[in-house]
Amino acid sequence: MKQVETDIAVFGSGTAGLTAAVAAAERGAKVTIIEKAATTGGTGNMGMGPFAVESRLQRQKNITLTREEAFKIFMDYTHWRVDARLVSNYINKSADTIEWLEKMGVVWGGVESYVRGSYATHHQVLPPGGRAGTPMSASAMMKCLTDTANELGVKFYLKTQVKNLTKENGKITGLIAEDESGETIQVKAKAVIIATGGFGDNPEWIKKYTPYEWGKDLFSVRVPGMTGEGIRMAWEVGAGAEGMNMELVCTPGMPTTAMAEGITDSAGMLAAMFSPVTPAFGQPNLMVNLLGERFMNEAEMGNTTFLANAVARQKNRCAFIIFDGATAKHYVENGWDWLSAILPSVKIDDFNAEVKKVIEQGNNSIFAANSLDELANKTGINAANLKKTVEEYNKACETGRDEIFHKRPLYLRTVKQPNFYAGRAFPSAYGSLGGIKINHRTEVITKNHEIIPGLYAAGTDACSIYGDSYVFVLPGNTMGFALNSGRIAGENAVEYIKSRG
């Protein structure tokens, strides 16, 4: 058995783990990272950037949102069902974290609102050699954090699987791991920080701990390796469980076959999910459930969390965006009603031909038909109710008055002219949320709020600050929480070690 002694052992090298390691090493701690993957960065390599408020970038753009305002927005949104001290610590630290990362070499492409109805808090990371307007990639930030960790003497054990945490006299004393050769490594540490990225790649846990069943009524991104082992090991040493859910989003027209077949790499995911016509199914057109009934103001679907929540209440957690040939022609000639920071904006010459192509390529969530009856038959929507709903909706479009949901006339487009198109929507998710109960210092606590000395958790494993819905009104939150909770964990772990003499 190999013996390793360190001050702080960090379990995972994603956004929170790297940040925790750098924060601790800056304060003079000897830090060791144990990572089962072959590379660092984890889910952070697939992100675009974090939340922050009162940053230099926001001041430059005259974005006047304050920490006080952001805190009130956050707590009003969650109805104060979350740890207010933890939220406050996170928000108050966020601007300093942006500058902290800049000093490591992170270059920001800008700060955006990201989704409709949200505030400009999403700080987008430029890829190496990129410039404003190019696709954002937080993988550059992960590289800066990794390089800084190496410069500070952080020791990395990659391709190494943690087996369990060790605990003596009520205190965490390290962990046991196994490297790729099968050799057991005993890491003796004065503190351990868990940052393993959640359980988004564990369908069994999703079914057990959330209201969803992956591949049936949830088609979420599954980042390989995010199976919840850090959460499980924390529970094994007495940690309480808290806030387990999914970071729900919804993208109408997403091919569920691609998700169910396990396409998990970022390039493959993007190729499977997005085509030139995909943005058409994210526009605020008529939306119905399988009963053929409207169920929301479609103009609210620009916030994908709100859309996912509404769709999740429907029969089979399923809904359809519907529009006709006249609307498709309008998009070809004039562009989309809404633009997205993620979905492509590509000129289309023949909309029907492009739809036919994506259907032939296997997208099972986009449909085209010559009549409403045919569309109902292909989608499974109740045909009689669909025709009644379309008739009522067309009257609303013609009068400019939506008496049901009061949708703005700007987004009221009739559904009359073949072809008829539908994009199916299921709840999706960027990953899991929560699992390990922590306090505002990121110390792991039991269900009775007793601190487990020497154990900290950060990032997705402990992200239970959203209540029942991801706070998409302040975008960039999951990465922002990972960065800032990681820093808080690293700093407090060093203070804990110093307090022990």
Protein backbone atom coordinates (compact mmCIF):
# COMPACT_ATOMS: atom_id res chain seq x y z
CA MET A 1 0.00 0.00 0.00
CA LYS A 2 1.31 3.41 -0.99
CA GLN A 3 1.27 6.07 1.76
CA VAL A 4 0.67 9.75 0.96
CA GLU A 5 0.59 12.54 3.54
CA THR A 6 -0.96 15.92 2.78
CA ASP A 7 -2.75 18.78 4.47
CA ILE A 8 -5.81 18.74 2.26
CA ALA A 9 -7.08 16.00 -0.04
CA VAL A 10 -9.46 17.17 -2.76
CA PHE A 11 -11.77 14.49 -4.16
CA GLY A 12 -12.39 15.53 -7.78
CA SER A 13 -10.73 18.00 -10.16
CA GLY A 14 -13.65 19.74 -11.81
CA THR A 15 -14.58 23.39 -11.36
CA ALA A 16 -15.08 23.22 -7.58
CA GLY A 17 -12.20 20.82 -6.93
CA LEU A 18 -9.61 22.83 -8.86
CA THR A 19 -10.79 26.07 -7.28
CA ALA A 20 -10.64 24.58 -3.79
CA ALA A 21 -7.14 23.22 -4.41
CA VAL A 22 -5.80 26.55 -5.69
CA ALA A 23 -7.42 28.53 -2.87
CA ALA A 24 -5.89 26.23 -0.25
CA ALA A 25 -2.47 26.04 -1.89
CA GLU A 26 -2.30 29.84 -2.10
CA ARG A 27 -2.57 29.87 1.67
CA GLY A 28 0.39 27.56 2.06
CA ALA A 29 -1.39 24.23 2.39
CA LYS A 30 0.00 21.05 0.91
CA VAL A 31 -2.78 19.86 -1.41
CA THR A 32 -3.38 16.54 -3.15
CA ILE A 33 -6.09 16.00 -5.78
CA ILE A 34 -7.52 12.55 -6.46
CA GLU A 35 -9.28 12.30 -9.83
CA LYS A 36 -10.63 9.17 -11.50
CA ALA A 37 -10.56 10.66 -15.02
CA ALA A 38 -7.47 11.05 -17.15
CA THR A 39 -7.80 14.82 -17.36
CA THR A 40 -8.85 17.71 -15.14
CA GLY A 41 -11.77 20.09 -15.58
CA GLY A 42 -14.70 17.68 -15.45
CA THR A 43 -18.04 19.20 -16.40
CA GLY A 44 -16.42 22.63 -16.38
CA ASN A 45 -14.86 21.81 -19.74
CA MET A 46 -18.36 21.82 -21.25
CA GLY A 47 -19.51 25.10 -19.67
CA MET A 48 -19.36 28.67 -20.92
CA GLY A 49 -18.85 30.76 -17.79
CA PRO A 50 -19.96 31.68 -14.26
CA PHE A 51 -22.32 34.05 -12.47
CA ALA A 52 -20.97 37.14 -10.79
CA VAL A 53 -22.34 40.51 -9.67
CA GLU A 54 -20.55 43.88 -9.30
CA SER A 55 -17.64 42.67 -11.44
CA ARG A 56 -15.34 44.90 -13.45
CA LEU A 57 -16.93 43.66 -16.67
CA GLN A 58 -20.38 44.67 -15.46
CA ARG A 59 -19.17 48.11 -14.44
CA GLN A 60 -17.67 48.61 -17.88
CA LYS A 61 -21.04 47.82 -19.48
CA ASN A 62 -22.94 50.02 -17.00
CA ILE A 63 -24.75 46.99 -15.57
CA THR A 64 -25.90 48.38 -12.25
CA LEU A 65 -27.17 45.23 -10.54
CA THR A 66 -25.82 45.21 -6.98
CA ARG A 67 -25.01 42.38 -4.60
CA GLU A 68 -27.88 43.51 -2.38
CA GLU A 69 -30.31 43.42 -5.32
CA ALA A 70 -29.03 40.05 -6.53
CA PHE A 71 -29.39 38.58 -3.05
CA LYS A 72 -33.00 39.80 -2.81
CA ILE A 73 -33.81 38.45 -6.28
CA PHE A 74 -32.26 35.11 -5.37
CA MET A 75 -34.02 34.77 -2.04
CA ASP A 76 -37.38 35.98 -3.36
CA TYR A 77 -37.10 33.43 -6.18
CA THR A 78 -36.40 30.58 -3.74
CA HIS A 79 -38.94 31.81 -1.16
CA TRP A 80 -36.21 31.67 1.49
CA ARG A 81 -36.24 27.88 1.45
CA VAL A 82 -32.43 27.76 1.09
CA ASP A 83 -29.40 28.64 3.22
CA ALA A 84 -29.38 32.45 3.08
CA ARG A 85 -25.89 32.73 4.63
CA LEU A 86 -24.47 30.39 2.00
CA VAL A 87 -26.18 32.34 -0.79
CA SER A 88 -24.89 35.61 0.65
CA ASN A 89 -21.33 34.32 0.97
CA TYR A 90 -21.44 33.05 -2.62
CA ILE A 91 -22.83 36.25 -4.12
CA ASN A 92 -20.53 38.52 -2.13
CA LYS A 93 -17.46 36.56 -3.25
CA SER A 94 -18.41 36.31 -6.93
CA ALA A 95 -16.92 39.57 -8.26
CA ASP A 96 -13.61 38.96 -6.50
CA THR A 97 -13.51 35.48 -8.03
CA ILE A 98 -13.74 37.00 -11.53
CA GLU A 99 -10.67 39.14 -10.81
CA TRP A 100 -8.92 36.20 -9.12
CA LEU A 101 -9.38 34.14 -12.28
CA GLU A 102 -8.23 37.01 -14.50
CA LYS A 103 -4.93 37.07 -12.65
CA MET A 104 -4.49 33.39 -13.61
CA GLY A 105 -4.97 34.26 -17.28
CA VAL A 106 -8.70 33.74 -17.81
CA VAL A 107 -9.99 36.05 -20.57
CA TRP A 108 -13.62 37.10 -20.55
CA GLY A 109 -15.59 37.49 -23.77
CA GLY A 110 -18.33 39.51 -22.15
CA VAL A 111 -21.19 39.38 -19.71
CA GLU A 112 -24.70 38.51 -20.89
CA SER A 113 -28.22 37.88 -19.66
CA TYR A 114 -28.19 34.52 -21.50
CA VAL A 115 -31.93 33.77 -21.28
CA ARG A 116 -34.96 36.01 -21.76
CA GLY A 117 -36.10 37.83 -18.64
CA SER A 118 -32.81 37.29 -16.81
CA TYR A 119 -30.12 39.66 -15.55
CA ALA A 120 -26.70 40.15 -17.11
CA THR A 121 -24.67 38.02 -14.70
CA HIS A 122 -23.28 35.34 -17.04
CA HIS A 123 -19.52 35.92 -17.51
CA GLN A 124 -18.45 34.13 -20.67
CA VAL A 125 -14.97 32.63 -20.99
CA LEU A 126 -13.07 33.11 -24.23
CA PRO A 127 -11.31 30.05 -25.65
CA PRO A 128 -7.58 30.35 -26.41
CA GLY A 129 -7.11 32.77 -29.29
CA GLY A 130 -10.81 33.64 -29.30
CA ARG A 131 -12.41 37.04 -29.41
CA ALA A 132 -15.75 38.50 -28.44
CA GLY A 133 -18.52 36.95 -30.51
CA THR A 134 -16.86 33.54 -30.87
CA PRO A 135 -18.29 30.48 -29.08
CA MET A 136 -17.47 30.55 -25.38
CA SER A 137 -15.64 27.70 -23.66
CA ALA A 138 -14.86 27.43 -19.95
CA SER A 139 -12.30 24.71 -20.76
CA ALA A 140 -9.80 27.59 -21.03
CA MET A 141 -10.61 28.49 -17.42
CA MET A 142 -10.11 24.88 -16.35
CA LYS A 143 -6.67 24.93 -17.97
CA CYS A 144 -5.73 28.15 -16.16
CA LEU A 145 -6.81 26.65 -12.83
CA THR A 146 -4.91 23.42 -13.52
CA ASP A 147 -1.76 25.29 -14.53
CA THR A 148 -1.97 27.47 -11.42
CA ALA A 149 -2.46 24.42 -9.21
CA ASN A 150 0.64 22.83 -10.69
CA GLU A 151 2.64 26.02 -10.17
CA LEU A 152 1.56 26.06 -6.52
CA GLY A 153 2.76 22.49 -6.03
CA VAL A 154 -0.60 20.72 -5.94
CA LYS A 155 -0.06 16.98 -6.44
CA PHE A 156 -2.41 15.29 -8.91
CA TYR A 157 -3.29 11.60 -8.91
CA LEU A 158 -5.22 11.06 -12.15
CA LYS A 159 -6.90 7.80 -13.17
CA THR A 160 -7.25 7.11 -9.46
CA GLN A 161 -10.51 6.04 -7.86
CA VAL A 162 -11.39 6.96 -4.28
CA LYS A 163 -12.82 3.96 -2.44
CA ASN A 164 -13.78 5.46 0.90
CA LEU A 165 -13.10 8.24 3.37
CA THR A 166 -11.33 7.53 6.65
CA LYS A 167 -12.53 8.79 10.00
CA GLU A 168 -11.10 8.53 13.49
CA ASN A 169 -12.54 9.84 16.76
CA GLY A 170 -15.24 11.67 14.82
CA LYS A 171 -12.78 13.52 12.58
CA ILE A 172 -12.02 12.94 8.89
CA THR A 173 -8.44 11.76 8.50
CA GLY A 174 -8.10 11.17 4.78
CA LEU A 175 -9.18 8.65 2.18
CA ILE A 176 -8.34 5.35 0.55
CA ALA A 177 -7.91 5.24 -3.24
CA GLU A 178 -6.80 2.87 -5.96
CA ASP A 179 -4.72 3.88 -8.98
CA GLU A 180 -5.00 2.53 -12.53
CA SER A 181 -2.50 -0.24 -11.80
CA GLY A 182 -4.64 -1.50 -8.92
CA GLU A 183 -2.31 -0.26 -6.19
CA THR A 184 -4.03 0.97 -3.04
CA ILE A 185 -3.13 4.49 -1.91
CA GLN A 186 -3.74 5.64 1.64
CA VAL A 187 -3.95 9.42 1.73
CA LYS A 188 -3.54 10.81 5.23
CA ALA A 189 -5.03 14.32 5.30
CA LYS A 190 -6.01 16.89 7.89
CA ALA A 191 -9.08 17.81 5.81
CA VAL A 192 -10.92 16.43 2.78
CA ILE A 193 -12.93 18.43 0.24
CA ILE A 194 -15.50 16.53 -1.84
CA ALA A 195 -16.15 17.96 -5.31
CA THR A 196 -17.15 15.06 -7.55
CA GLY A 197 -19.78 16.71 -9.76
CA GLY A 198 -23.02 15.08 -8.66
CA PHE A 199 -24.97 12.09 -9.99
CA GLY A 200 -26.10 13.16 -13.46
CA ASP A 201 -24.61 10.00 -15.02
CA ASN A 202 -26.47 7.67 -12.65
CA PRO A 203 -29.97 6.77 -13.94
CA GLU A 204 -30.63 4.61 -10.88
CA TRP A 205 -30.04 7.53 -8.54
CA ILE A 206 -32.05 9.90 -10.74
CA LYS A 207 -35.01 7.52 -10.47
CA LYS A 208 -34.51 6.96 -6.74
CA TYR A 209 -33.83 10.50 -5.56
CA THR A 210 -35.67 12.75 -8.05
CA PRO A 211 -39.17 12.73 -9.58
CA TYR A 212 -37.79 11.66 -12.98
CA GLU A 213 -36.77 8.54 -14.82
CA TRP A 214 -33.90 9.02 -17.23
CA GLY A 215 -34.69 7.88 -20.78
CA LYS A 216 -38.44 7.87 -20.10
CA ASP A 217 -39.51 11.33 -18.99
CA LEU A 218 -36.10 12.99 -18.62
CA PHE A 219 -33.50 13.25 -21.35
CA SER A 220 -30.62 15.01 -19.66
CA VAL A 221 -26.97 15.52 -20.44
CA ARG A 222 -24.98 12.66 -18.92
CA VAL A 223 -21.38 13.67 -18.36
CA PRO A 224 -19.46 10.39 -18.00
CA GLY A 225 -18.36 9.54 -14.47
CA MET A 226 -20.78 11.77 -12.55
CA THR A 227 -22.27 8.87 -10.60
CA GLY A 228 -22.55 10.29 -7.08
CA GLU A 229 -19.72 8.42 -5.39
CA GLY A 230 -18.60 11.50 -3.47
CA ILE A 231 -22.11 11.97 -2.15
CA ARG A 232 -22.37 8.31 -1.16
CA MET A 233 -19.06 8.39 0.70
CA ALA A 234 -20.08 11.55 2.55
CA TRP A 235 -23.29 9.82 3.65
CA GLU A 236 -21.26 6.82 4.81
CA VAL A 237 -19.37 9.02 7.29
CA GLY A 238 -22.53 10.67 8.58
CA ALA A 239 -23.35 13.53 6.21
CA GLY A 240 -26.96 14.57 5.87
CA ALA A 241 -28.72 14.48 2.51
CA GLU A 242 -30.20 17.65 1.07
CA GLY A 243 -31.69 19.20 -2.07
CA MET A 244 -31.36 16.33 -4.54
CA ASN A 245 -32.92 17.23 -7.87
CA MET A 246 -32.06 17.92 -11.50
CA GLU A 247 -31.01 21.23 -13.05
CA LEU A 248 -34.00 21.25 -15.37
CA VAL A 249 -34.00 22.86 -18.80
CA CYS A 250 -36.06 22.14 -21.91
CA THR A 251 -35.15 22.24 -25.61
CA PRO A 252 -38.08 21.53 -27.96
CA GLY A 253 -37.09 19.45 -30.96
CA MET A 254 -34.20 17.72 -29.19
CA PRO A 255 -33.82 14.15 -30.50
CA THR A 256 -34.53 11.93 -27.51
CA THR A 257 -33.07 8.93 -29.32
CA ALA A 258 -29.65 10.56 -29.22
CA MET A 259 -29.90 11.06 -25.49
CA ALA A 260 -31.26 7.59 -24.79
CA GLU A 261 -28.52 6.02 -26.87
CA GLY A 262 -25.98 7.56 -24.53
CA ILE A 263 -24.30 10.26 -26.62
CA THR A 264 -22.45 12.01 -23.81
CA ASP A 265 -19.42 13.75 -25.33
CA SER A 266 -19.93 17.48 -25.90
CA ALA A 267 -19.22 17.45 -29.66
CA GLY A 268 -21.47 14.46 -30.26
CA MET A 269 -24.19 16.00 -28.11
CA LEU A 270 -24.15 19.27 -30.00
CA ALA A 271 -24.20 17.50 -33.36
CA ALA A 272 -27.13 15.35 -32.29
CA MET A 273 -29.13 18.13 -30.69
CA PHE A 274 -28.74 21.08 -32.99
CA SER A 275 -29.41 21.62 -36.68
CA PRO A 276 -30.16 24.79 -38.68
CA VAL A 277 -33.89 24.36 -37.97
CA THR A 278 -33.63 23.66 -34.23
CA PRO A 279 -34.07 27.34 -33.24
CA ALA A 280 -37.46 27.39 -35.00
CA PHE A 281 -38.79 25.05 -32.34
CA GLY A 282 -37.59 27.36 -29.59
CA GLN A 283 -39.68 30.30 -30.82
CA PRO A 284 -42.79 31.47 -28.88
CA ASN A 285 -45.39 29.74 -31.05
CA LEU A 286 -48.40 27.65 -30.11
CA MET A 287 -47.57 24.98 -27.53
CA VAL A 288 -49.87 22.11 -26.60
CA ASN A 289 -49.70 18.94 -24.53
CA LEU A 290 -50.74 15.44 -25.59
CA LEU A 291 -54.34 16.35 -24.76
CA GLY A 292 -54.17 19.03 -27.43
CA GLU A 293 -54.47 21.86 -24.90
CA ARG A 294 -52.38 24.96 -24.28
CA PHE A 295 -50.86 25.12 -20.81
CA MET A 296 -48.62 28.20 -20.65
CA ASN A 297 -47.90 31.61 -22.10
CA GLU A 298 -45.44 30.55 -24.78
CA ALA A 299 -43.64 33.89 -24.50
CA GLU A 300 -42.32 32.66 -21.12
CA MET A 301 -40.50 29.71 -22.67
CA GLY A 302 -37.39 31.81 -23.23
CA ASN A 303 -36.53 30.90 -19.65
CA THR A 304 -35.85 27.21 -20.17
CA THR A 305 -36.31 26.42 -16.48
CA PHE A 306 -39.85 27.83 -16.54
CA LEU A 307 -40.54 25.87 -19.72
CA ALA A 308 -39.20 22.64 -18.20
CA ASN A 309 -41.32 23.12 -15.08
CA ALA A 310 -44.47 23.65 -17.16
CA VAL A 311 -43.78 20.70 -19.45
CA ALA A 312 -43.02 18.42 -16.48
CA ARG A 313 -46.62 18.86 -15.26
CA GLN A 314 -48.17 17.59 -18.50
CA LYS A 315 -49.23 14.09 -19.51
CA ASN A 316 -46.12 11.93 -19.99
CA ARG A 317 -44.08 15.08 -19.24
CA CYS A 318 -44.39 15.94 -22.91
CA ALA A 319 -45.42 18.94 -25.03
CA PHE A 320 -45.19 20.22 -28.61
CA ILE A 321 -44.37 23.56 -30.24
CA ILE A 322 -46.51 23.93 -33.37
CA PHE A 323 -46.35 26.37 -36.29
CA ASP A 324 -47.21 26.41 -39.98
CA GLY A 325 -45.67 27.05 -43.38
CA ALA A 326 -46.38 30.78 -43.27
CA THR A 327 -44.45 31.12 -40.01
CA ALA A 328 -41.62 28.99 -41.39
CA LYS A 329 -41.46 31.28 -44.44
CA HIS A 330 -41.36 34.30 -42.13
CA TYR A 331 -38.35 32.85 -40.32
CA VAL A 332 -36.54 32.11 -43.58
CA GLU A 333 -37.10 35.66 -44.81
CA ASN A 334 -36.78 37.63 -41.56
CA GLY A 335 -34.93 35.46 -39.06
CA TRP A 336 -36.00 34.24 -35.64
CA ASP A 337 -38.19 36.12 -33.20
CA TRP A 338 -35.69 35.22 -30.50
CA LEU A 339 -31.97 34.64 -30.72
CA SER A 340 -30.17 32.27 -28.37
CA ALA A 341 -26.67 32.27 -26.91
CA ILE A 342 -26.49 28.51 -27.56
CA LEU A 343 -28.56 27.58 -30.59
CA PRO A 344 -27.11 28.44 -34.01
CA SER A 345 -28.46 31.21 -36.21
CA VAL A 346 -27.97 29.84 -39.71
CA LYS A 347 -29.60 31.11 -42.90
CA ILE A 348 -32.07 28.59 -44.34
CA ASP A 349 -33.18 28.64 -48.00
CA ASP A 350 -35.65 25.74 -47.92
CA PHE A 351 -37.13 25.16 -44.48
CA ASN A 352 -39.17 22.12 -45.45
CA ALA A 353 -36.16 20.44 -47.02
CA GLU A 354 -34.09 21.05 -43.87
CA VAL A 355 -36.82 19.59 -41.67
CA LYS A 356 -37.06 16.55 -43.92
CA LYS A 357 -33.29 16.10 -43.66
CA VAL A 358 -33.19 16.13 -39.85
CA ILE A 359 -36.10 13.69 -39.69
CA GLU A 360 -34.32 11.34 -42.09
CA GLN A 361 -31.17 11.65 -39.96
CA GLY A 362 -33.13 10.19 -37.04
CA ASN A 363 -34.45 13.16 -35.08
CA ASN A 364 -37.56 11.65 -33.52
CA SER A 365 -38.75 14.89 -31.94
CA ILE A 366 -39.39 16.97 -35.06
CA PHE A 367 -42.50 16.33 -37.18
CA ALA A 368 -43.93 17.68 -40.43
CA ALA A 369 -47.39 17.03 -41.93
CA ASN A 370 -49.77 18.28 -44.61
CA SER A 371 -52.72 18.56 -42.21
CA LEU A 372 -53.46 18.86 -38.52
CA ASP A 373 -54.98 15.38 -38.54
CA GLU A 374 -51.75 13.96 -39.96
CA LEU A 375 -49.69 15.94 -37.43
CA ALA A 376 -51.85 14.62 -34.58
CA ASN A 377 -51.42 11.08 -35.85
CA LYS A 378 -47.64 11.41 -36.01
CA THR A 379 -47.26 13.05 -32.61
CA GLY A 380 -49.98 11.29 -30.61
CA ILE A 381 -51.76 14.56 -29.80
CA ASN A 382 -55.54 14.30 -29.39
CA ALA A 383 -56.71 15.33 -32.88
CA ALA A 384 -60.15 16.74 -31.99
CA ASN A 385 -58.75 18.87 -29.16
CA LEU A 386 -55.82 20.01 -31.28
CA LYS A 387 -58.11 21.31 -34.02
CA LYS A 388 -60.29 23.06 -31.43
CA THR A 389 -57.24 24.63 -29.77
CA VAL A 390 -55.84 25.78 -33.12
CA GLU A 391 -59.18 27.37 -33.98
CA GLU A 392 -59.27 29.25 -30.67
CA TYR A 393 -55.62 30.23 -31.01
CA ASN A 394 -56.11 31.55 -34.54
CA LYS A 395 -58.95 33.78 -33.32
CA ALA A 396 -56.63 35.13 -30.62
CA CYS A 397 -54.00 35.82 -33.29
CA GLU A 398 -56.50 37.60 -35.54
CA THR A 399 -57.92 39.77 -32.74
CA GLY A 400 -54.58 40.28 -31.00
CA ARG A 401 -56.08 39.19 -27.68
CA ASP A 402 -55.06 35.98 -25.92
CA GLU A 403 -57.78 35.70 -23.31
CA ILE A 404 -56.25 32.58 -21.70
CA PHE A 405 -52.60 33.50 -21.05
CA HIS A 406 -52.43 37.14 -22.25
CA LYS A 407 -49.58 36.51 -24.65
CA ARG A 408 -48.23 39.60 -26.38
CA PRO A 409 -49.72 40.13 -29.87
CA LEU A 410 -46.17 40.30 -31.27
CA TYR A 411 -45.85 36.55 -30.77
CA LEU A 412 -49.31 35.52 -31.93
CA ARG A 413 -48.95 33.76 -35.30
CA THR A 414 -51.80 31.80 -36.85
CA VAL A 415 -51.56 28.08 -37.63
CA LYS A 416 -53.36 27.68 -40.97
CA GLN A 417 -51.09 27.03 -43.92
CA PRO A 418 -49.43 23.66 -44.70
CA ASN A 419 -46.92 22.35 -43.98
CA PHE A 420 -47.56 21.99 -40.26
CA TYR A 421 -44.55 21.48 -38.00
CA ALA A 422 -44.17 20.26 -34.42
CA GLY A 423 -41.20 20.00 -32.09
CA ARG A 424 -41.56 17.68 -29.12
CA ALA A 425 -40.32 18.83 -25.73
CA PHE A 426 -39.35 16.74 -22.72
CA PRO A 427 -37.62 17.93 -19.54
CA SER A 428 -33.87 17.83 -19.86
CA ALA A 429 -31.15 18.86 -17.41
CA TYR A 430 -27.55 20.00 -17.39
CA GLY A 431 -26.89 17.64 -14.50
CA SER A 432 -27.89 16.90 -10.94
CA LEU A 433 -28.15 19.18 -7.94
CA GLY A 434 -27.44 18.61 -4.26
CA GLY A 435 -26.83 15.56 -2.14
CA ILE A 436 -24.47 16.61 0.67
CA LYS A 437 -25.73 18.87 3.43
CA ILE A 438 -23.34 21.75 4.16
CA ASN A 439 -23.37 24.99 6.13
CA HIS A 440 -22.42 28.47 4.92
CA ARG A 441 -18.72 27.66 5.46
CA THR A 442 -19.15 24.56 3.21
CA GLU A 443 -18.45 22.30 6.20
CA VAL A 444 -20.29 19.01 5.79
CA ILE A 445 -22.95 18.57 8.46
CA THR A 446 -25.19 15.76 9.64
CA LYS A 447 -28.97 15.80 9.26
CA ASN A 448 -29.00 17.30 12.78
CA HIS A 449 -26.64 20.14 11.67
CA GLU A 450 -23.62 18.77 13.53
CA ILE A 451 -20.31 19.55 11.82
CA ILE A 452 -18.19 16.60 10.66
CA PRO A 453 -14.72 17.97 11.50
CA GLY A 454 -12.32 18.03 8.56
CA LEU A 455 -14.92 17.39 5.83
CA TYR A 456 -16.01 19.95 3.25
CA ALA A 457 -18.07 19.76 0.07
CA ALA A 458 -18.40 22.14 -2.85
CA GLY A 459 -19.96 22.44 -6.28
CA THR A 460 -22.76 20.28 -7.61
CA ASP A 461 -22.44 17.67 -4.84
CA ALA A 462 -23.62 20.31 -2.36
CA CYS A 463 -25.58 22.73 -4.57
CA SER A 464 -28.94 22.89 -2.79
CA ILE A 465 -29.39 26.66 -3.00
CA TYR A 466 -32.09 26.76 -5.70
CA GLY A 467 -35.16 25.58 -3.83
CA ASP A 468 -37.33 23.82 -6.41
CA SER A 469 -36.02 25.49 -9.59
CA TYR A 470 -32.65 26.49 -10.99
CA VAL A 471 -32.27 30.27 -10.58
CA PHE A 472 -32.04 31.02 -14.29
CA VAL A 473 -33.00 34.66 -13.68
CA LEU A 474 -29.37 35.07 -12.53
CA PRO A 475 -27.60 32.95 -15.17
CA GLY A 476 -24.28 31.22 -14.68
CA ASN A 477 -25.25 30.05 -11.21
CA THR A 478 -24.15 26.43 -11.24
CA MET A 479 -20.63 27.21 -12.43
CA GLY A 480 -20.59 30.30 -10.25
CA PHE A 481 -21.53 28.30 -7.19
CA ALA A 482 -18.91 25.66 -8.01
CA LEU A 483 -16.16 28.28 -8.31
CA ASN A 484 -17.10 30.24 -5.22
CA SER A 485 -18.03 27.33 -2.97
CA GLY A 486 -14.73 25.75 -3.99
CA ARG A 487 -12.83 28.85 -2.92
CA ILE A 488 -14.79 29.01 0.33
CA ALA A 489 -14.08 25.33 1.02
CA GLY A 490 -10.36 25.68 0.31
CA GLU A 491 -10.01 28.76 2.49
CA ASN A 492 -12.00 27.34 5.39
CA ALA A 493 -10.21 24.00 5.25
CA VAL A 494 -6.90 25.86 5.72
CA GLU A 495 -8.37 27.80 8.66
CA TYR A 496 -9.55 24.54 10.19
CA ILE A 497 -6.07 23.03 9.93
CA LYS A 498 -4.49 26.13 11.47
CA SER A 499 -6.99 26.09 14.32
CA ARG A 500 -5.82 22.58 15.22
CA GLY A 501 -2.27 23.83 15.62
